[in-house]
Protein backbone atom coordinates (compact mmCIF):
# COMPACT_ATOMS: atom_id res chain seq x y z
CA MET A 1 -89.86 228.09 -129.39
CA GLY A 2 -93.14 226.46 -130.50
CA THR A 3 -94.08 224.38 -133.49
CA LEU A 4 -94.56 226.14 -136.79
CA ARG A 5 -98.18 225.69 -137.83
CA PHE A 6 -99.91 226.40 -141.09
CA ALA A 7 -103.62 226.22 -141.81
CA GLN A 8 -103.54 225.42 -145.50
CA PRO A 9 -100.98 223.04 -147.07
CA THR A 10 -101.26 224.97 -150.33
CA ALA A 11 -99.81 228.10 -148.69
CA LEU A 12 -96.16 228.72 -149.50
CA PRO A 13 -93.91 227.61 -146.64
CA ASN A 14 -91.93 230.24 -144.82
CA ARG A 15 -88.43 228.96 -145.51
CA VAL A 16 -86.93 232.15 -144.09
CA LEU A 17 -88.61 231.52 -140.74
CA LEU A 18 -87.33 227.95 -140.59
CA GLN A 19 -83.81 229.02 -141.48
CA ASP A 20 -83.89 231.85 -138.90
CA ARG A 21 -84.98 229.40 -136.24
CA LEU A 22 -82.30 226.92 -137.25
CA ILE A 23 -79.60 229.61 -137.03
CA GLN A 24 -80.80 230.64 -133.57
CA THR A 25 -81.00 227.05 -132.36
CA MET A 26 -77.53 226.23 -133.67
CA ALA A 27 -76.08 229.32 -131.96
CA ARG A 28 -77.69 228.34 -128.66
CA ALA A 29 -76.47 224.75 -129.03
CA GLU A 30 -72.93 225.98 -129.65
CA ARG A 31 -72.99 228.07 -126.47
CA ALA A 32 -74.46 225.23 -124.41
CA GLY A 33 -72.41 222.50 -126.00
CA SER A 34 -75.60 220.63 -126.87
CA ARG A 35 -76.79 218.80 -129.99
CA LEU A 36 -79.73 219.07 -132.32
CA ALA A 37 -81.15 216.98 -135.15
CA LEU A 38 -82.66 217.91 -138.49
CA LEU A 39 -85.11 215.50 -140.13
CA TYR A 40 -85.76 215.88 -143.87
CA ILE A 41 -89.06 214.16 -144.71
CA ASP A 42 -90.35 213.38 -148.18
CA LEU A 43 -93.68 211.60 -148.70
CA ASP A 44 -93.28 208.53 -150.90
CA ARG A 45 -95.10 208.67 -154.23
CA PHE A 46 -97.33 211.48 -153.01
CA LYS A 47 -97.66 212.73 -156.59
CA LEU A 48 -99.90 209.75 -157.30
CA VAL A 49 -102.51 211.16 -154.93
CA ASN A 50 -102.60 214.50 -156.75
CA ASP A 51 -102.61 212.85 -160.18
CA SER A 52 -105.33 210.31 -159.43
CA LEU A 53 -107.56 212.02 -156.84
CA GLY A 54 -106.87 215.69 -157.46
CA HIS A 55 -105.04 218.46 -155.63
CA PRO A 56 -107.83 219.22 -153.11
CA VAL A 57 -107.52 215.66 -151.78
CA GLY A 58 -103.74 215.98 -151.81
CA ASP A 59 -103.93 219.25 -149.87
CA ALA A 60 -106.22 217.68 -147.27
CA LEU A 61 -103.82 214.75 -146.92
CA LEU A 62 -100.90 217.15 -146.39
CA GLN A 63 -102.84 218.81 -143.59
CA GLU A 64 -103.31 215.44 -141.91
CA VAL A 65 -99.63 214.59 -142.34
CA ALA A 66 -98.64 217.95 -140.79
CA HIS A 67 -100.96 217.26 -137.85
CA ARG A 68 -99.44 213.82 -137.27
CA LEU A 69 -95.87 215.09 -137.54
CA GLN A 70 -96.61 217.76 -134.96
CA ALA A 71 -98.00 215.08 -132.66
CA THR A 72 -94.61 213.32 -132.59
CA VAL A 73 -92.50 216.26 -131.40
CA ARG A 74 -92.18 218.53 -128.37
CA VAL A 75 -93.43 222.10 -128.15
CA SER A 76 -89.80 223.26 -128.32
CA ASP A 77 -89.25 221.50 -131.66
CA THR A 78 -90.08 222.88 -135.10
CA VAL A 79 -92.11 221.38 -137.92
CA SER A 80 -91.96 223.16 -141.28
CA ARG A 81 -93.29 222.34 -144.71
CA GLN A 82 -90.66 223.14 -147.30
CA GLY A 83 -92.93 222.88 -150.31
CA GLY A 84 -94.66 220.15 -152.25
CA ASP A 85 -94.59 217.03 -150.09
CA GLU A 86 -91.38 217.84 -148.20
CA PHE A 87 -91.11 218.69 -144.51
CA LEU A 88 -88.23 219.70 -142.25
CA VAL A 89 -88.34 218.94 -138.54
CA LEU A 90 -85.87 220.54 -136.14
CA LEU A 91 -85.33 218.69 -132.86
CA ASP A 92 -83.84 221.00 -130.28
CA GLU A 93 -81.45 219.91 -127.51
CA ILE A 94 -81.30 216.16 -128.01
CA GLU A 95 -79.12 213.97 -125.80
CA SER A 96 -78.01 211.55 -128.54
CA ALA A 97 -78.76 210.24 -132.02
CA ASP A 98 -81.09 207.72 -130.38
CA ASP A 99 -83.49 210.56 -129.54
CA ALA A 100 -83.76 211.47 -133.21
CA ALA A 101 -84.20 207.81 -134.15
CA ARG A 102 -87.07 207.43 -131.69
CA VAL A 103 -88.86 210.46 -133.13
CA ALA A 104 -88.34 209.22 -136.69
CA GLN A 105 -89.77 205.82 -135.77
CA LYS A 106 -92.79 207.48 -134.15
CA MET A 107 -93.36 209.35 -137.40
CA LEU A 108 -93.17 206.14 -139.41
CA ASP A 109 -95.61 204.39 -137.07
CA LEU A 110 -98.10 207.25 -136.97
CA LEU A 111 -98.11 207.88 -140.72
CA ALA A 112 -98.53 204.15 -141.37
CA GLN A 113 -102.04 204.36 -139.92
CA PRO A 114 -104.63 204.87 -142.71
CA CYS A 115 -106.66 208.06 -142.70
CA TRP A 116 -109.92 209.08 -144.35
CA VAL A 117 -109.62 212.11 -146.60
CA ALA A 118 -112.56 213.34 -148.66
CA GLY A 119 -114.13 209.88 -148.61
CA HIS A 120 -110.91 208.05 -149.50
CA GLU A 121 -108.95 205.75 -147.22
CA LEU A 122 -105.33 206.72 -147.82
CA THR A 123 -101.98 205.67 -146.43
CA VAL A 124 -98.83 207.65 -147.03
CA THR A 125 -95.30 206.61 -146.10
CA PRO A 126 -92.30 208.88 -145.50
CA SER A 127 -88.63 208.68 -146.34
CA ILE A 128 -86.70 210.41 -143.55
CA GLY A 129 -83.10 211.59 -143.65
CA ILE A 130 -81.43 212.76 -140.44
CA SER A 131 -78.42 215.00 -139.92
CA LEU A 132 -76.94 216.00 -136.55
CA TYR A 133 -75.38 219.22 -135.24
CA PRO A 134 -72.47 219.50 -134.66
CA ASP A 135 -71.59 215.93 -135.71
CA ASP A 136 -72.33 216.32 -139.42
CA SER A 137 -71.89 220.06 -139.86
CA THR A 138 -71.90 223.39 -138.06
CA ASP A 139 -73.11 225.14 -141.22
CA MET A 140 -76.87 225.54 -141.74
CA ILE A 141 -76.92 224.94 -145.49
CA THR A 142 -74.67 221.89 -145.21
CA LEU A 143 -76.79 220.49 -142.38
CA ILE A 144 -79.94 220.74 -144.51
CA LYS A 145 -78.15 219.28 -147.51
CA SER A 146 -76.86 216.37 -145.42
CA ALA A 147 -80.36 215.49 -144.21
CA ASP A 148 -81.60 215.74 -147.81
CA ILE A 149 -78.88 213.38 -149.02
CA ALA A 150 -79.72 210.87 -146.30
CA MET A 151 -83.39 211.04 -147.29
CA TYR A 152 -82.54 210.13 -150.88
CA GLN A 153 -80.54 207.17 -149.62
CA VAL A 154 -83.71 205.96 -147.92
CA LYS A 155 -85.63 206.30 -151.18
CA GLU A 156 -83.02 204.32 -153.07
CA GLY A 157 -83.12 201.67 -150.35
CA GLY A 158 -86.85 201.08 -150.68
CA ARG A 159 -88.55 204.05 -148.94
CA ASN A 160 -90.67 204.10 -145.75
CA ALA A 161 -87.69 204.22 -143.37
CA TYR A 162 -85.21 206.61 -141.79
CA GLN A 163 -81.45 206.90 -142.12
CA PHE A 164 -78.72 209.03 -140.60
CA TYR A 165 -76.31 210.95 -142.80
CA THR A 166 -72.85 209.44 -143.21
CA GLY A 167 -69.80 210.94 -144.90
CA ASP A 168 -69.72 208.53 -147.83
CA MET A 169 -73.27 209.55 -148.77
CA ASN A 170 -71.84 212.69 -150.37
CA GLU A 171 -70.02 210.60 -152.92
CA ARG A 172 -73.10 208.49 -153.63
CA ALA A 173 -75.25 211.60 -153.91
CA SER A 174 -72.83 213.08 -156.43
CA GLU A 175 -72.93 209.84 -158.40
CA ARG A 176 -76.73 209.94 -158.33
CA LEU A 177 -76.83 213.52 -159.62
CA ALA A 178 -74.39 212.62 -162.38
CA LEU A 179 -76.49 209.60 -163.31
CA GLU A 180 -79.65 211.72 -163.44
CA HIS A 181 -77.86 214.22 -165.69
CA ASP A 182 -76.68 211.41 -167.97
CA LEU A 183 -80.16 209.90 -167.98
CA ARG A 184 -81.65 213.11 -169.36
CA ARG A 185 -79.05 213.10 -172.13
CA ALA A 186 -79.66 209.39 -172.75
CA LEU A 187 -83.18 210.17 -173.98
CA GLU A 188 -81.83 212.77 -176.40
CA ARG A 189 -79.07 210.46 -177.65
CA GLY A 190 -81.20 207.36 -178.02
CA GLU A 191 -79.19 205.30 -175.53
CA MET A 192 -82.21 203.44 -174.13
CA LEU A 193 -82.92 200.02 -175.64
CA LEU A 194 -85.06 196.97 -175.02
CA HIS A 195 -84.14 193.37 -174.40
CA TYR A 196 -86.78 190.64 -174.49
CA GLN A 197 -87.38 187.51 -172.43
CA LEU A 198 -89.40 184.53 -173.63
CA GLN A 199 -92.66 183.54 -171.97
CA ILE A 200 -93.36 179.82 -172.44
CA GLU A 201 -96.56 177.77 -172.31
CA LEU A 202 -95.65 174.81 -170.11
CA ALA A 203 -98.01 172.27 -171.65
CA SER A 204 -96.81 172.70 -175.22
CA GLY A 205 -93.43 174.45 -174.94
CA ARG A 206 -94.63 177.16 -177.32
CA ILE A 207 -93.40 180.72 -177.04
CA VAL A 208 -96.60 182.61 -176.19
CA GLY A 209 -95.19 185.99 -175.22
CA LEU A 210 -92.21 188.25 -174.65
CA GLU A 211 -91.52 190.64 -171.83
CA ALA A 212 -89.84 193.88 -172.89
CA LEU A 213 -87.11 194.85 -170.42
CA LEU A 214 -85.45 198.24 -170.42
CA ARG A 215 -81.68 198.65 -170.63
CA TRP A 216 -79.45 201.73 -170.85
CA ARG A 217 -76.32 201.63 -172.97
CA HIS A 218 -74.24 204.26 -171.19
CA PRO A 219 -71.29 205.56 -173.22
CA VAL A 220 -68.90 205.07 -170.26
CA LEU A 221 -70.54 202.64 -167.85
CA GLY A 222 -71.71 200.22 -170.54
CA LEU A 223 -75.00 198.37 -170.17
CA VAL A 224 -76.73 199.77 -167.06
CA PRO A 225 -79.40 197.53 -165.48
CA PRO A 226 -82.75 199.13 -164.60
CA GLU A 227 -82.31 198.74 -160.83
CA ARG A 228 -79.61 201.43 -161.05
CA PHE A 229 -81.68 204.07 -162.79
CA ILE A 230 -85.44 203.40 -162.54
CA ALA A 231 -85.76 204.98 -159.08
CA ILE A 232 -83.90 208.05 -160.35
CA ALA A 233 -86.19 208.20 -163.38
CA GLU A 234 -89.26 208.03 -161.13
CA ASP A 235 -88.07 210.70 -158.71
CA SER A 236 -87.03 213.06 -161.52
CA GLY A 237 -90.17 212.55 -163.63
CA LEU A 238 -88.14 211.10 -166.50
CA ILE A 239 -90.03 207.82 -166.14
CA VAL A 240 -92.94 209.29 -168.14
CA PRO A 241 -91.06 209.95 -171.42
CA ILE A 242 -88.97 206.81 -170.85
CA GLY A 243 -92.10 204.72 -170.33
CA GLU A 244 -93.78 206.13 -173.42
CA GLY A 245 -90.65 205.38 -175.40
CA VAL A 246 -90.64 201.77 -174.16
CA LEU A 247 -94.27 201.29 -175.15
CA HIS A 248 -93.69 202.76 -178.59
CA GLU A 249 -90.55 200.72 -179.26
CA ALA A 250 -92.09 197.45 -178.05
CA CYS A 251 -95.11 197.96 -180.30
CA ARG A 252 -92.88 198.92 -183.25
CA GLN A 253 -90.66 195.87 -182.75
CA SER A 254 -93.65 193.54 -182.62
CA LEU A 255 -94.87 194.87 -185.98
CA ALA A 256 -91.36 194.55 -187.42
CA TRP A 257 -91.23 190.86 -186.44
CA GLN A 258 -94.62 190.26 -187.99
CA ALA A 259 -93.49 191.98 -191.19
CA ALA A 260 -90.53 189.57 -191.25
CA GLY A 261 -92.94 186.64 -191.29
CA LEU A 262 -92.67 185.72 -187.61
CA PRO A 263 -95.77 184.79 -185.61
CA ALA A 264 -97.69 187.52 -183.84
CA ILE A 265 -97.28 187.07 -180.08
CA VAL A 266 -98.07 189.17 -177.03
CA ILE A 267 -95.51 191.74 -175.87
CA ALA A 268 -95.63 192.52 -172.13
CA VAL A 269 -94.50 195.96 -170.95
CA ASN A 270 -94.16 197.13 -167.34
CA LEU A 271 -95.98 200.29 -166.32
CA SER A 272 -94.53 202.31 -163.46
CA ALA A 273 -96.74 203.69 -160.70
CA VAL A 274 -96.17 207.21 -162.01
CA GLN A 275 -97.27 206.25 -165.52
CA PHE A 276 -100.32 204.38 -164.28
CA ARG A 277 -101.65 207.23 -162.15
CA ARG A 278 -100.82 209.95 -164.63
CA ALA A 279 -103.78 211.64 -166.29
CA GLY A 280 -104.01 210.94 -170.00
CA LEU A 281 -102.57 207.42 -169.92
CA GLU A 282 -105.33 206.00 -172.09
CA ASP A 283 -104.97 208.77 -174.67
CA SER A 284 -101.21 208.27 -174.81
CA LEU A 285 -101.62 204.53 -175.19
CA ARG A 286 -104.23 204.94 -177.89
CA ASP A 287 -101.93 207.29 -179.81
CA ILE A 288 -99.05 204.78 -179.61
CA LEU A 289 -101.21 201.91 -180.85
CA THR A 290 -102.51 204.06 -183.69
CA ALA A 291 -99.05 205.30 -184.67
CA THR A 292 -97.48 201.83 -184.70
CA GLY A 293 -100.49 199.91 -186.00
CA LEU A 294 -100.18 197.14 -183.41
CA SER A 295 -103.37 195.27 -182.57
CA PRO A 296 -104.23 196.11 -178.93
CA HIS A 297 -104.71 192.43 -177.95
CA LEU A 298 -100.99 191.85 -178.66
CA LEU A 299 -99.94 194.34 -175.96
CA GLU A 300 -99.96 193.36 -172.28
CA LEU A 301 -99.47 195.94 -169.55
CA GLU A 302 -97.88 194.67 -166.34
CA LEU A 303 -98.59 196.47 -163.06
CA THR A 304 -97.16 195.49 -159.70
CA GLU A 305 -99.51 194.27 -157.00
CA SER A 306 -98.66 197.25 -154.78
CA VAL A 307 -99.65 199.69 -157.55
CA VAL A 308 -103.05 198.15 -158.32
CA MET A 309 -103.99 197.76 -154.64
CA ASN A 310 -103.13 201.38 -153.82
CA GLN A 311 -106.35 203.42 -154.08
CA ALA A 312 -108.15 200.35 -155.35
CA ASP A 313 -111.42 202.12 -156.19
CA ALA A 314 -109.63 204.48 -158.57
CA THR A 315 -107.61 201.53 -159.90
CA VAL A 316 -110.77 199.69 -160.99
CA ALA A 317 -111.80 202.66 -163.11
CA ILE A 318 -108.38 203.06 -164.73
CA LEU A 319 -108.02 199.34 -165.45
CA THR A 320 -111.50 199.25 -166.97
CA ARG A 321 -110.65 202.09 -169.34
CA LEU A 322 -107.41 200.37 -170.37
CA HIS A 323 -109.23 197.08 -170.86
CA ASP A 324 -111.78 198.85 -173.07
CA LEU A 325 -108.90 199.81 -175.38
CA GLY A 326 -108.40 196.09 -176.02
CA VAL A 327 -105.02 195.64 -174.31
CA ARG A 328 -104.29 192.80 -171.90
CA LEU A 329 -103.61 193.45 -168.22
CA SER A 330 -101.56 191.48 -165.71
CA ILE A 331 -100.43 191.86 -162.10
CA ASP A 332 -96.67 191.53 -161.60
CA ASP A 333 -94.85 190.45 -158.41
CA PHE A 334 -98.03 188.80 -157.18
CA GLY A 335 -97.85 187.50 -153.61
CA THR A 336 -95.58 190.26 -152.30
CA GLY A 337 -98.37 192.73 -151.50
CA TYR A 338 -101.69 192.64 -149.72
CA SER A 339 -104.34 192.01 -152.32
CA SER A 340 -107.98 192.34 -151.39
CA LEU A 341 -110.05 189.57 -152.94
CA ALA A 342 -113.01 191.92 -153.04
CA TYR A 343 -111.07 194.18 -155.42
CA LEU A 344 -109.14 191.48 -157.23
CA LYS A 345 -112.34 189.95 -158.60
CA ARG A 346 -113.33 193.39 -159.95
CA PHE A 347 -110.10 193.97 -161.85
CA PRO A 348 -110.24 193.08 -165.58
CA ILE A 349 -107.01 191.08 -165.27
CA GLU A 350 -105.94 188.28 -167.63
CA LYS A 351 -102.91 187.04 -165.75
CA LEU A 352 -101.13 186.90 -162.39
CA LYS A 353 -97.34 186.73 -162.39
CA VAL A 354 -95.96 184.84 -159.40
CA ASP A 355 -93.04 186.73 -157.89
CA GLN A 356 -89.65 185.06 -158.35
CA SER A 357 -89.00 185.13 -154.59
CA PHE A 358 -91.46 182.23 -154.28
CA ILE A 359 -89.94 180.33 -157.22
CA ARG A 360 -86.32 180.34 -156.04
CA ASP A 361 -86.78 177.63 -153.36
CA LEU A 362 -90.06 176.26 -154.63
CA ALA A 363 -88.96 172.63 -154.83
CA HIS A 364 -87.41 172.63 -151.34
CA ASP A 365 -89.51 175.04 -149.27
CA ALA A 366 -92.96 173.83 -148.28
CA ASN A 367 -94.11 177.39 -147.53
CA ASP A 368 -93.18 178.62 -151.01
CA ALA A 369 -94.90 175.61 -152.56
CA ALA A 370 -98.04 176.30 -150.53
CA ILE A 371 -98.05 179.97 -151.55
CA VAL A 372 -97.65 179.20 -155.26
CA ARG A 373 -100.31 176.46 -155.04
CA SER A 374 -102.69 178.96 -153.41
CA ILE A 375 -102.00 181.63 -156.05
CA VAL A 376 -102.63 179.16 -158.87
CA GLY A 377 -105.84 177.99 -157.24
CA LEU A 378 -107.02 181.54 -156.60
CA ALA A 379 -106.29 182.62 -160.17
CA HIS A 380 -108.06 179.62 -161.69
CA SER A 381 -111.12 180.15 -159.50
CA LEU A 382 -111.33 183.70 -160.88
CA GLY A 383 -110.71 182.61 -164.47
CA ILE A 384 -107.26 184.23 -164.54
CA GLY A 385 -104.08 182.74 -166.03
CA VAL A 386 -100.81 182.29 -164.11
CA ILE A 387 -97.20 182.82 -165.17
CA ALA A 388 -94.15 182.23 -162.96
CA GLU A 389 -91.09 184.47 -163.29
CA GLY A 390 -87.50 183.71 -162.40
CA VAL A 391 -87.49 180.04 -163.43
CA GLU A 392 -83.88 178.87 -163.53
CA THR A 393 -83.92 175.06 -163.09
CA ARG A 394 -85.67 172.05 -164.52
CA GLU A 395 -86.74 171.10 -160.99
CA GLN A 396 -88.58 174.40 -160.57
CA LEU A 397 -90.20 173.96 -163.96
CA ASP A 398 -91.48 170.45 -163.22
CA PHE A 399 -92.83 171.60 -159.88
CA LEU A 400 -94.72 174.46 -161.51
CA ARG A 401 -96.27 172.12 -164.04
CA HIS A 402 -97.34 169.83 -161.21
CA LEU A 403 -99.00 172.78 -159.43
CA GLY A 404 -100.96 173.70 -162.56
CA CYS A 405 -99.11 176.86 -163.54
CA GLU A 406 -99.71 177.53 -167.25
CA GLU A 407 -96.74 179.69 -168.23
CA ALA A 408 -93.20 180.51 -167.11
CA GLN A 409 -90.26 182.74 -167.93
CA GLY A 410 -86.71 182.90 -166.67
CA ASN A 411 -83.08 182.21 -167.46
CA TYR A 412 -83.76 178.47 -167.70
CA PHE A 413 -85.21 179.17 -171.15
CA CYS A 414 -83.13 182.23 -172.01
CA ARG A 415 -81.83 185.38 -170.41
CA PRO A 416 -83.20 188.71 -171.68
CA LEU A 417 -81.75 189.22 -175.16
CA PRO A 418 -81.66 191.96 -177.80
CA PRO A 419 -84.12 191.62 -180.71
CA ALA A 420 -81.56 190.13 -183.13
CA GLU A 421 -80.88 187.22 -180.76
CA ILE A 422 -84.54 186.66 -179.90
CA GLU A 423 -85.58 186.45 -183.57
CA PRO A 424 -84.15 182.96 -184.28
CA MET A 425 -86.03 181.55 -181.28
CA LEU A 426 -89.27 183.12 -182.47
CA ARG A 427 -88.68 181.41 -185.80
CA ASP A 428 -87.39 178.03 -184.63
CA GLY A 429 -88.53 177.68 -181.02
CA ILE A 430 -86.40 177.06 -177.92
CA PRO A 431 -83.77 174.28 -177.66
CA LEU A 432 -85.22 170.83 -177.00
CA GLY A 433 -83.36 170.42 -173.71
CA LYS A 434 -85.20 173.42 -172.34
CA HIS A 435 -88.55 172.44 -173.81
CA PRO A 436 -91.14 172.08 -171.01
CA ALA A 437 -92.90 169.23 -172.80
CA THR A 438 -89.77 167.00 -172.72
CA HIS A 439 -88.98 164.80 -169.72
């Protein structure tokens, strides 16, 4: 049968050819009583490559991905690019599901190896959904749809993995589509809102900042936490207008508090990977600051460690331009990625936020204590501040103070609250029993 090959990744894929081959293969499998597997492959966050490095680099990377996928299959199997960053792989005459799993794992392993493209060292990870004939369907369209559904389950589960289709995925996929539809309407109806969490200076107990946290007030489901809809927003592209709305509202709210006579403090806002790599971020941010009138030094942009370390050379340039606008920059979830010290010292970063996974057992786990101590020491040696997230007990708080951590946030002080409930604390401070300076 032979592997489908294509010279240029920008050429339109021949979907008809893939579907013809799938029909023929299914007919032969039915006669022989054999099985086949269909792998639906989507490259994780591939759009960031096009947005930050340009489409020629993205096209060259797609060529390399196609080459590596072809290296994992037999001559009798079929590799096809469906468009964009999506591929379909047809495995002919497999003995069992284990055969498909082995191929999927080979794909994960091979794509995990960095490659040089147009002078850039890039790594791309896939999300792979697998459907089986005749187990999951004897209909071509349903078989493709089943693999697609399984692929989205991988994305929702964290990406860079494979998963087989199961019957209950249909229900979850329908729920996801409904949620995406509702999310689009939520922007039109103004259902998105912000809650805020205090950031506390440990030495004095002063409130020195607030983190703006997105919530969705769904008309039926009630208050929907971000972990249920952020991945959908990113995959659908809705994260861009949502993110701009969050920035605008956080800046507006800060000015409103100042107008009410409350002290001016820093508002921290998370930037998604899609926002960060999108062309025109600085212009959009400048427009928001101008429209709201907020002083740039009162806005802090939080980026996860994995985002800033991906394509680090390009990251330095973007961060420098943002820093030149006057805004503050911090790295969120620090300690969970693989930071390069060579790049970290080049980033114009004011603060590292220690991931809450290291705070949870800080007082009882020597490894967590050692990691936090190392992060604090590293940050101080680079002239960078440190804030710990997820602080829930007095014991954790005292331990952080002992390690030299300057700031903290978490439910020990207060859970994320709407503006009306945060305002009294901005005016009067936090309760004495939760004041870091008390013993």
